[in-house]
Amino acid sequence: MQLGDKYGIAVALHNIGDIYEAQMDYKKALPHYQEALEIDRQLGDKEGIMNGLLYLGKTYETLKLQWKANACYREAAQLAEELGLQEAAKEYRSYIRSP
């Protein structure tokens, strides 16, 4: 499998997660977001990882798994800083809530 194929698969998985999320079926969205994130990590796509963490965090939050959501938001904020996106990092930290 080539890198472009993996990228395309990650995008497709993320889009499937979006469809389930739009249907408010968060438990079905979750594994698609997780798998897309795993592929982005394999590819070293920091922006993809950051965005995947945000969607995963919001899904965890909706499922009342705040501690998992917070971990996603923290990592997304750290990646945003690494990418020089200070305002985004600040925004992502604002999503962190008490479990």
N, C-alpha and C. Protein backbone atom coordinates (compact mmCIF):
# COMPACT_ATOMS: atom_id res chain seq x y z
N MET A 1 0.84 -1.18 0.00
CA MET A 1 0.00 0.00 0.00
C MET A 1 0.88 1.24 0.00
N GLN A 2 0.57 2.19 -0.83
CA GLN A 2 1.36 3.39 -0.93
C GLN A 2 0.85 4.46 0.03
N LEU A 3 1.70 5.47 0.28
CA LEU A 3 1.34 6.53 1.22
C LEU A 3 0.06 7.23 0.81
N GLY A 4 -0.10 7.53 -0.46
CA GLY A 4 -1.31 8.19 -0.93
C GLY A 4 -2.55 7.37 -0.65
N ASP A 5 -2.41 6.04 -0.76
CA ASP A 5 -3.53 5.16 -0.46
C ASP A 5 -3.90 5.26 1.02
N LYS A 6 -2.89 5.24 1.89
CA LYS A 6 -3.15 5.34 3.33
C LYS A 6 -3.80 6.67 3.67
N TYR A 7 -3.32 7.74 3.06
CA TYR A 7 -3.91 9.06 3.31
C TYR A 7 -5.39 9.05 2.90
N GLY A 8 -5.66 8.51 1.74
CA GLY A 8 -7.04 8.42 1.25
C GLY A 8 -7.92 7.58 2.16
N ILE A 9 -7.37 6.51 2.68
CA ILE A 9 -8.12 5.66 3.61
C ILE A 9 -8.43 6.43 4.89
N ALA A 10 -7.44 7.18 5.39
CA ALA A 10 -7.67 7.98 6.60
C ALA A 10 -8.78 9.00 6.37
N VAL A 11 -8.75 9.65 5.22
CA VAL A 11 -9.79 10.65 4.91
C VAL A 11 -11.15 9.97 4.83
N ALA A 12 -11.21 8.82 4.18
CA ALA A 12 -12.48 8.10 4.04
C ALA A 12 -13.02 7.67 5.41
N LEU A 13 -12.14 7.16 6.25
CA LEU A 13 -12.57 6.74 7.59
C LEU A 13 -13.09 7.93 8.39
N HIS A 14 -12.39 9.04 8.27
CA HIS A 14 -12.84 10.25 8.97
C HIS A 14 -14.21 10.68 8.45
N ASN A 15 -14.40 10.64 7.15
CA ASN A 15 -15.69 11.02 6.56
C ASN A 15 -16.82 10.09 7.02
N ILE A 16 -16.52 8.81 7.15
CA ILE A 16 -17.52 7.87 7.65
C ILE A 16 -17.87 8.23 9.10
N GLY A 17 -16.86 8.56 9.87
CA GLY A 17 -17.10 9.01 11.24
C GLY A 17 -17.99 10.24 11.26
N ASP A 18 -17.75 11.17 10.35
CA ASP A 18 -18.58 12.38 10.26
C ASP A 18 -20.04 12.04 9.96
N ILE A 19 -20.25 11.06 9.10
CA ILE A 19 -21.62 10.66 8.76
C ILE A 19 -22.33 10.11 10.00
N TYR A 20 -21.64 9.23 10.73
CA TYR A 20 -22.25 8.69 11.95
C TYR A 20 -22.48 9.79 12.98
N GLU A 21 -21.55 10.72 13.07
CA GLU A 21 -21.72 11.83 14.02
C GLU A 21 -22.94 12.67 13.63
N ALA A 22 -23.12 12.94 12.35
CA ALA A 22 -24.27 13.72 11.89
C ALA A 22 -25.58 13.00 12.21
N GLN A 23 -25.52 11.68 12.25
CA GLN A 23 -26.70 10.88 12.61
C GLN A 23 -26.82 10.71 14.13
N MET A 24 -25.91 11.35 14.85
CA MET A 24 -25.85 11.29 16.31
C MET A 24 -25.61 9.86 16.83
N ASP A 25 -24.91 9.07 16.03
CA ASP A 25 -24.53 7.71 16.42
C ASP A 25 -23.04 7.74 16.77
N TYR A 26 -22.74 8.32 17.91
CA TYR A 26 -21.37 8.59 18.32
C TYR A 26 -20.56 7.32 18.57
N LYS A 27 -21.22 6.28 19.03
CA LYS A 27 -20.50 5.02 19.28
C LYS A 27 -20.01 4.39 17.98
N LYS A 28 -20.73 4.61 16.89
CA LYS A 28 -20.28 4.11 15.59
C LYS A 28 -19.24 5.04 14.97
N ALA A 29 -19.31 6.32 15.29
CA ALA A 29 -18.33 7.27 14.76
C ALA A 29 -16.96 7.02 15.36
N LEU A 30 -16.94 6.68 16.63
CA LEU A 30 -15.70 6.57 17.39
C LEU A 30 -14.64 5.67 16.75
N PRO A 31 -14.94 4.41 16.38
CA PRO A 31 -13.88 3.57 15.81
C PRO A 31 -13.34 4.09 14.48
N HIS A 32 -14.17 4.79 13.72
CA HIS A 32 -13.70 5.34 12.45
C HIS A 32 -12.72 6.48 12.70
N TYR A 33 -13.04 7.35 13.66
CA TYR A 33 -12.12 8.42 14.01
C TYR A 33 -10.82 7.85 14.59
N GLN A 34 -10.93 6.81 15.40
CA GLN A 34 -9.74 6.20 16.00
C GLN A 34 -8.83 5.61 14.92
N GLU A 35 -9.43 4.91 13.98
CA GLU A 35 -8.62 4.27 12.92
C GLU A 35 -7.99 5.32 12.01
N ALA A 36 -8.73 6.37 11.70
CA ALA A 36 -8.17 7.45 10.88
C ALA A 36 -6.99 8.10 11.60
N LEU A 37 -7.13 8.32 12.90
CA LEU A 37 -6.05 8.90 13.69
C LEU A 37 -4.82 8.00 13.70
N GLU A 38 -5.03 6.71 13.82
CA GLU A 38 -3.91 5.76 13.81
C GLU A 38 -3.14 5.85 12.50
N ILE A 39 -3.86 5.95 11.39
CA ILE A 39 -3.19 6.06 10.08
C ILE A 39 -2.44 7.39 9.99
N ASP A 40 -3.06 8.47 10.45
CA ASP A 40 -2.37 9.77 10.43
C ASP A 40 -1.08 9.71 11.25
N ARG A 41 -1.12 8.99 12.37
CA ARG A 41 0.10 8.83 13.19
C ARG A 41 1.16 8.06 12.41
N GLN A 42 0.75 7.00 11.72
CA GLN A 42 1.69 6.21 10.92
C GLN A 42 2.33 7.06 9.83
N LEU A 43 1.55 7.96 9.26
CA LEU A 43 2.04 8.83 8.18
C LEU A 43 2.85 10.01 8.71
N GLY A 44 2.74 10.28 10.01
CA GLY A 44 3.43 11.43 10.58
C GLY A 44 2.79 12.75 10.18
N ASP A 45 1.51 12.71 9.87
CA ASP A 45 0.77 13.89 9.44
C ASP A 45 0.29 14.67 10.67
N LYS A 46 1.10 15.64 11.11
CA LYS A 46 0.78 16.35 12.36
C LYS A 46 -0.54 17.11 12.29
N GLU A 47 -0.84 17.73 11.17
CA GLU A 47 -2.13 18.42 11.06
C GLU A 47 -3.28 17.42 11.09
N GLY A 48 -3.12 16.31 10.40
CA GLY A 48 -4.14 15.27 10.42
C GLY A 48 -4.33 14.71 11.82
N ILE A 49 -3.23 14.50 12.53
CA ILE A 49 -3.30 14.01 13.91
C ILE A 49 -4.04 15.02 14.77
N MET A 50 -3.65 16.29 14.66
CA MET A 50 -4.27 17.35 15.45
C MET A 50 -5.78 17.39 15.21
N ASN A 51 -6.19 17.40 13.95
CA ASN A 51 -7.62 17.44 13.63
C ASN A 51 -8.34 16.18 14.08
N GLY A 52 -7.69 15.04 13.90
CA GLY A 52 -8.28 13.79 14.36
C GLY A 52 -8.50 13.77 15.86
N LEU A 53 -7.53 14.30 16.60
CA LEU A 53 -7.66 14.37 18.05
C LEU A 53 -8.83 15.26 18.46
N LEU A 54 -9.05 16.33 17.73
CA LEU A 54 -10.17 17.22 18.05
C LEU A 54 -11.51 16.51 17.85
N TYR A 55 -11.67 15.83 16.73
CA TYR A 55 -12.92 15.11 16.48
C TYR A 55 -13.10 13.98 17.48
N LEU A 56 -12.02 13.28 17.77
CA LEU A 56 -12.10 12.21 18.76
C LEU A 56 -12.46 12.77 20.13
N GLY A 57 -11.84 13.89 20.49
CA GLY A 57 -12.14 14.53 21.77
C GLY A 57 -13.59 14.94 21.88
N LYS A 58 -14.13 15.55 20.83
CA LYS A 58 -15.53 15.96 20.86
C LYS A 58 -16.46 14.76 20.95
N THR A 59 -16.09 13.67 20.30
CA THR A 59 -16.90 12.45 20.36
C THR A 59 -16.85 11.86 21.77
N TYR A 60 -15.66 11.78 22.35
CA TYR A 60 -15.55 11.30 23.73
C TYR A 60 -16.36 12.18 24.68
N GLU A 61 -16.30 13.48 24.47
CA GLU A 61 -17.04 14.40 25.34
C GLU A 61 -18.54 14.14 25.23
N THR A 62 -19.02 13.95 24.03
CA THR A 62 -20.44 13.65 23.83
C THR A 62 -20.84 12.34 24.50
N LEU A 63 -19.91 11.39 24.52
CA LEU A 63 -20.16 10.09 25.15
C LEU A 63 -19.91 10.13 26.67
N LYS A 64 -19.70 11.33 27.20
CA LYS A 64 -19.47 11.53 28.65
C LYS A 64 -18.18 10.88 29.14
N LEU A 65 -17.18 10.85 28.28
CA LEU A 65 -15.86 10.33 28.63
C LEU A 65 -14.88 11.51 28.65
N GLN A 66 -15.14 12.43 29.57
CA GLN A 66 -14.39 13.69 29.59
C GLN A 66 -12.90 13.50 29.77
N TRP A 67 -12.48 12.52 30.57
CA TRP A 67 -11.05 12.33 30.79
C TRP A 67 -10.35 11.93 29.50
N LYS A 68 -11.03 11.15 28.67
CA LYS A 68 -10.44 10.80 27.37
C LYS A 68 -10.45 12.01 26.44
N ALA A 69 -11.52 12.78 26.48
CA ALA A 69 -11.61 13.99 25.66
C ALA A 69 -10.48 14.95 26.04
N ASN A 70 -10.26 15.12 27.34
CA ASN A 70 -9.22 16.03 27.81
C ASN A 70 -7.84 15.62 27.30
N ALA A 71 -7.56 14.32 27.30
CA ALA A 71 -6.27 13.83 26.80
C ALA A 71 -6.11 14.19 25.32
N CYS A 72 -7.18 14.05 24.55
CA CYS A 72 -7.14 14.40 23.13
C CYS A 72 -6.90 15.89 22.95
N TYR A 73 -7.60 16.70 23.73
CA TYR A 73 -7.46 18.16 23.61
C TYR A 73 -6.05 18.61 24.00
N ARG A 74 -5.49 17.99 25.03
CA ARG A 74 -4.12 18.35 25.44
C ARG A 74 -3.12 18.04 24.33
N GLU A 75 -3.24 16.85 23.76
CA GLU A 75 -2.31 16.46 22.70
C GLU A 75 -2.49 17.34 21.47
N ALA A 76 -3.74 17.67 21.14
CA ALA A 76 -4.00 18.54 19.99
C ALA A 76 -3.39 19.92 20.22
N ALA A 77 -3.50 20.43 21.45
CA ALA A 77 -2.93 21.74 21.78
C ALA A 77 -1.41 21.71 21.65
N GLN A 78 -0.80 20.62 22.10
CA GLN A 78 0.66 20.48 22.01
C GLN A 78 1.09 20.46 20.55
N LEU A 79 0.38 19.73 19.72
CA LEU A 79 0.71 19.69 18.28
C LEU A 79 0.52 21.06 17.64
N ALA A 80 -0.54 21.75 18.03
CA ALA A 80 -0.77 23.09 17.48
C ALA A 80 0.41 24.00 17.81
N GLU A 81 0.91 23.91 19.03
CA GLU A 81 2.08 24.71 19.41
C GLU A 81 3.29 24.35 18.55
N GLU A 82 3.51 23.05 18.35
CA GLU A 82 4.63 22.59 17.53
C GLU A 82 4.53 23.12 16.10
N LEU A 83 3.29 23.29 15.63
CA LEU A 83 3.05 23.78 14.27
C LEU A 83 3.01 25.30 14.21
N GLY A 84 3.22 25.95 15.36
CA GLY A 84 3.22 27.41 15.40
C GLY A 84 1.83 28.02 15.40
N LEU A 85 0.85 27.25 15.78
CA LEU A 85 -0.54 27.70 15.78
C LEU A 85 -0.96 28.03 17.22
N GLN A 86 -0.45 29.15 17.73
CA GLN A 86 -0.65 29.50 19.14
C GLN A 86 -2.12 29.74 19.48
N GLU A 87 -2.85 30.42 18.61
CA GLU A 87 -4.27 30.68 18.88
C GLU A 87 -5.06 29.39 18.92
N ALA A 88 -4.74 28.48 18.01
CA ALA A 88 -5.42 27.18 18.00
C ALA A 88 -5.11 26.42 19.29
N ALA A 89 -3.85 26.45 19.72
CA ALA A 89 -3.47 25.76 20.95
C ALA A 89 -4.26 26.31 22.13
N LYS A 90 -4.41 27.62 22.18
CA LYS A 90 -5.17 28.26 23.26
C LYS A 90 -6.64 27.80 23.20
N GLU A 91 -7.20 27.77 22.01
CA GLU A 91 -8.59 27.33 21.84
C GLU A 91 -8.76 25.89 22.29
N TYR A 92 -7.85 25.00 21.89
CA TYR A 92 -7.97 23.58 22.23
C TYR A 92 -7.87 23.37 23.73
N ARG A 93 -7.02 24.16 24.38
CA ARG A 93 -6.92 24.05 25.85
C ARG A 93 -8.22 24.50 26.52
N SER A 94 -8.94 25.41 25.89
CA SER A 94 -10.19 25.89 26.48
C SER A 94 -11.27 24.79 26.49
N TYR A 95 -11.09 23.74 25.70
CA TYR A 95 -12.04 22.63 25.67
C TYR A 95 -11.88 21.69 26.88
N ILE A 96 -10.75 21.77 27.56
CA ILE A 96 -10.47 20.87 28.67
C ILE A 96 -11.40 21.22 29.84
N ARG A 97 -12.09 20.21 30.34
CA ARG A 97 -13.06 20.37 31.43
C ARG A 97 -12.74 19.39 32.56
N SER A 98 -13.30 19.67 33.71
CA SER A 98 -13.17 18.73 34.84
C SER A 98 -14.01 17.50 34.55
N PRO A 99 -13.43 16.33 34.78
CA PRO A 99 -14.21 15.09 34.53
C PRO A 99 -15.35 14.93 35.52
